[in-house]
N, C-alpha and C. Protein backbone atom coordinates (compact mmCIF):
# COMPACT_ATOMS: atom_id res chain seq x y z
N MET A 1 107.31 99.17 110.32
CA MET A 1 106.98 99.08 108.91
C MET A 1 108.29 98.86 108.14
N THR A 2 108.27 97.85 107.28
CA THR A 2 109.46 97.58 106.48
C THR A 2 109.55 98.56 105.32
N LYS A 3 110.70 98.63 104.71
CA LYS A 3 110.90 99.50 103.56
C LYS A 3 110.00 99.07 102.40
N GLU A 4 109.82 97.76 102.24
CA GLU A 4 108.94 97.26 101.19
C GLU A 4 107.49 97.69 101.41
N GLU A 5 107.03 97.63 102.66
CA GLU A 5 105.67 98.07 102.99
C GLU A 5 105.52 99.56 102.74
N GLU A 6 106.53 100.32 103.15
CA GLU A 6 106.50 101.77 102.95
C GLU A 6 106.44 102.09 101.46
N ASN A 7 107.24 101.41 100.65
CA ASN A 7 107.24 101.65 99.21
C ASN A 7 105.90 101.28 98.58
N ALA A 8 105.28 100.21 99.05
CA ALA A 8 103.97 99.81 98.52
C ALA A 8 102.92 100.87 98.83
N ILE A 9 102.96 101.40 100.04
CA ILE A 9 102.01 102.45 100.43
C ILE A 9 102.25 103.69 99.57
N ARG A 10 103.50 104.06 99.41
CA ARG A 10 103.82 105.25 98.59
C ARG A 10 103.33 105.07 97.15
N ARG A 11 103.43 103.86 96.60
CA ARG A 11 102.94 103.61 95.24
C ARG A 11 101.43 103.81 95.16
N GLU A 12 100.71 103.31 96.15
CA GLU A 12 99.24 103.48 96.17
C GLU A 12 98.87 104.95 96.27
N LEU A 13 99.57 105.67 97.13
CA LEU A 13 99.26 107.09 97.30
C LEU A 13 99.63 107.90 96.06
N LYS A 14 100.72 107.52 95.41
CA LYS A 14 101.11 108.20 94.17
C LYS A 14 100.05 107.97 93.09
N ALA A 15 99.54 106.74 93.01
CA ALA A 15 98.49 106.45 92.03
C ALA A 15 97.26 107.32 92.30
N PHE A 16 96.93 107.53 93.57
CA PHE A 16 95.82 108.42 93.91
C PHE A 16 96.12 109.84 93.45
N ASP A 17 97.34 110.31 93.68
CA ASP A 17 97.73 111.65 93.24
C ASP A 17 97.56 111.81 91.74
N LEU A 18 97.90 110.79 90.99
CA LEU A 18 97.89 110.88 89.54
C LEU A 18 96.52 110.60 88.91
N ASP A 19 95.55 110.21 89.70
CA ASP A 19 94.21 109.90 89.19
C ASP A 19 93.40 111.19 89.10
N VAL A 20 93.18 111.65 87.89
CA VAL A 20 92.50 112.93 87.66
C VAL A 20 91.02 112.90 88.03
N ARG A 21 90.46 111.72 88.22
CA ARG A 21 89.03 111.63 88.57
C ARG A 21 88.70 112.33 89.88
N PHE A 22 89.71 112.54 90.73
CA PHE A 22 89.46 113.12 92.05
C PHE A 22 89.88 114.58 92.14
N GLY A 23 90.09 115.20 90.99
CA GLY A 23 90.44 116.61 90.95
C GLY A 23 91.92 116.85 91.15
N PRO A 24 92.33 118.12 91.02
CA PRO A 24 93.74 118.46 91.17
C PRO A 24 94.26 118.18 92.57
N CYS A 25 95.55 117.89 92.65
CA CYS A 25 96.12 117.56 93.95
C CYS A 25 97.23 118.51 94.37
N VAL A 26 97.73 119.32 93.48
CA VAL A 26 98.84 120.21 93.81
C VAL A 26 98.41 121.20 94.88
N GLY A 27 99.19 121.25 95.94
CA GLY A 27 98.92 122.20 97.01
C GLY A 27 97.93 121.72 98.05
N LEU A 28 97.44 120.50 97.92
CA LEU A 28 96.49 119.94 98.88
C LEU A 28 97.10 118.70 99.54
N GLN A 29 96.87 118.57 100.81
CA GLN A 29 97.24 117.33 101.46
C GLN A 29 96.34 116.24 100.91
N ARG A 30 96.85 115.03 100.86
CA ARG A 30 96.06 113.93 100.32
C ARG A 30 94.75 113.75 101.06
N SER A 31 94.78 113.88 102.37
CA SER A 31 93.54 113.70 103.14
C SER A 31 92.52 114.77 102.77
N MET A 32 92.98 115.99 102.54
CA MET A 32 92.07 117.06 102.13
C MET A 32 91.49 116.78 100.76
N ARG A 33 92.31 116.28 99.85
CA ARG A 33 91.83 115.96 98.51
C ARG A 33 90.82 114.81 98.57
N TRP A 34 91.11 113.80 99.39
CA TRP A 34 90.19 112.68 99.53
C TRP A 34 88.84 113.17 100.05
N ASP A 35 88.88 114.01 101.09
CA ASP A 35 87.64 114.55 101.66
C ASP A 35 86.87 115.38 100.64
N ARG A 36 87.59 116.21 99.89
CA ARG A 36 86.94 117.02 98.86
C ARG A 36 86.27 116.13 97.82
N ALA A 37 86.98 115.09 97.38
CA ALA A 37 86.42 114.18 96.38
C ALA A 37 85.17 113.48 96.93
N ARG A 38 85.22 113.09 98.18
CA ARG A 38 84.05 112.45 98.79
C ARG A 38 82.87 113.42 98.86
N ASN A 39 83.15 114.66 99.28
CA ASN A 39 82.09 115.67 99.37
C ASN A 39 81.48 116.00 98.01
N LEU A 40 82.26 115.80 96.95
CA LEU A 40 81.76 116.05 95.59
C LEU A 40 81.20 114.78 94.96
N SER A 41 81.04 113.72 95.75
CA SER A 41 80.50 112.43 95.30
C SER A 41 81.33 111.82 94.17
N LEU A 42 82.66 111.95 94.27
CA LEU A 42 83.54 111.40 93.25
C LEU A 42 84.04 110.00 93.60
N ASP A 43 83.57 109.46 94.71
CA ASP A 43 83.85 108.08 95.12
C ASP A 43 85.35 107.77 95.21
N PRO A 44 86.08 108.50 96.06
CA PRO A 44 87.50 108.19 96.22
C PRO A 44 87.68 106.83 96.90
N PRO A 45 88.78 106.16 96.63
CA PRO A 45 88.98 104.82 97.20
C PRO A 45 89.07 104.83 98.72
N PRO A 46 88.24 104.04 99.39
CA PRO A 46 88.31 103.95 100.86
C PRO A 46 89.69 103.51 101.34
N ARG A 47 90.36 102.70 100.54
CA ARG A 47 91.70 102.21 100.90
C ARG A 47 92.66 103.37 101.14
N ILE A 48 92.56 104.43 100.35
CA ILE A 48 93.44 105.59 100.50
C ILE A 48 93.20 106.25 101.85
N LYS A 49 91.94 106.43 102.21
CA LYS A 49 91.61 107.03 103.51
C LYS A 49 92.17 106.18 104.64
N GLU A 50 92.04 104.86 104.52
CA GLU A 50 92.57 103.95 105.54
C GLU A 50 94.09 104.10 105.66
N LEU A 51 94.78 104.15 104.52
CA LEU A 51 96.23 104.30 104.54
C LEU A 51 96.64 105.61 105.21
N LEU A 52 95.95 106.68 104.86
CA LEU A 52 96.28 108.00 105.41
C LEU A 52 96.03 108.04 106.92
N GLU A 53 94.94 107.45 107.37
CA GLU A 53 94.65 107.42 108.80
C GLU A 53 95.66 106.57 109.55
N ASP A 54 96.05 105.44 108.95
CA ASP A 54 97.05 104.58 109.57
C ASP A 54 98.40 105.28 109.67
N CYS A 55 98.79 105.97 108.62
CA CYS A 55 100.06 106.70 108.64
C CYS A 55 100.02 107.84 109.67
N LYS A 56 98.89 108.49 109.78
CA LYS A 56 98.76 109.55 110.78
C LYS A 56 98.89 108.97 112.18
N ALA A 57 98.26 107.84 112.42
CA ALA A 57 98.33 107.19 113.74
C ALA A 57 99.75 106.75 114.07
N LYS A 58 100.52 106.44 113.03
CA LYS A 58 101.91 106.02 113.23
C LYS A 58 102.88 107.20 113.18
N ASN A 59 102.33 108.41 113.18
CA ASN A 59 103.12 109.64 113.16
C ASN A 59 104.04 109.70 111.94
N LEU A 60 103.46 109.46 110.77
CA LEU A 60 104.18 109.55 109.50
C LEU A 60 103.51 110.63 108.64
N PRO A 61 103.66 111.90 109.02
CA PRO A 61 102.91 112.97 108.36
C PRO A 61 103.27 113.19 106.90
N ASP A 62 104.48 112.83 106.47
CA ASP A 62 104.84 113.09 105.08
C ASP A 62 104.03 112.26 104.09
N PHE A 63 103.38 111.19 104.54
CA PHE A 63 102.54 110.39 103.67
C PHE A 63 101.28 111.15 103.25
N ASP A 64 100.93 112.20 103.96
CA ASP A 64 99.75 113.00 103.62
C ASP A 64 100.08 114.10 102.61
N LEU A 65 101.34 114.27 102.29
CA LEU A 65 101.75 115.30 101.35
C LEU A 65 101.60 114.79 99.92
N ASP A 66 101.15 115.68 99.03
CA ASP A 66 100.96 115.26 97.65
C ASP A 66 102.30 115.00 96.96
N LEU A 67 102.23 114.38 95.82
CA LEU A 67 103.41 113.98 95.06
C LEU A 67 104.34 115.16 94.75
N TRP A 68 103.78 116.34 94.57
CA TRP A 68 104.56 117.50 94.15
C TRP A 68 104.86 118.48 95.27
N HIS A 69 104.74 118.10 96.51
CA HIS A 69 104.91 119.04 97.62
C HIS A 69 106.28 119.68 97.65
N HIS A 70 107.31 119.03 97.15
CA HIS A 70 108.65 119.61 97.15
C HIS A 70 108.84 120.62 96.02
N GLU A 71 107.95 120.59 95.04
CA GLU A 71 108.08 121.47 93.89
C GLU A 71 107.55 122.87 94.15
N LEU A 72 106.71 123.03 95.18
CA LEU A 72 106.11 124.34 95.44
C LEU A 72 107.04 125.25 96.20
């Protein structure tokens, strides 16, 4: 994965973190937040789930951390 690809993915994930339609994200892994939003019928973007699964398969666990994980 190039640095440009990594930055593009991080921008998409950050936008998901900042989208209040899917509930709060502080203290939750992105995948957990996505699952919660789906279970609450909030229609989270399938693209985010795909990105998270791809990053997990590539052993990039920090992509599942929310935007504020360093602040806690």
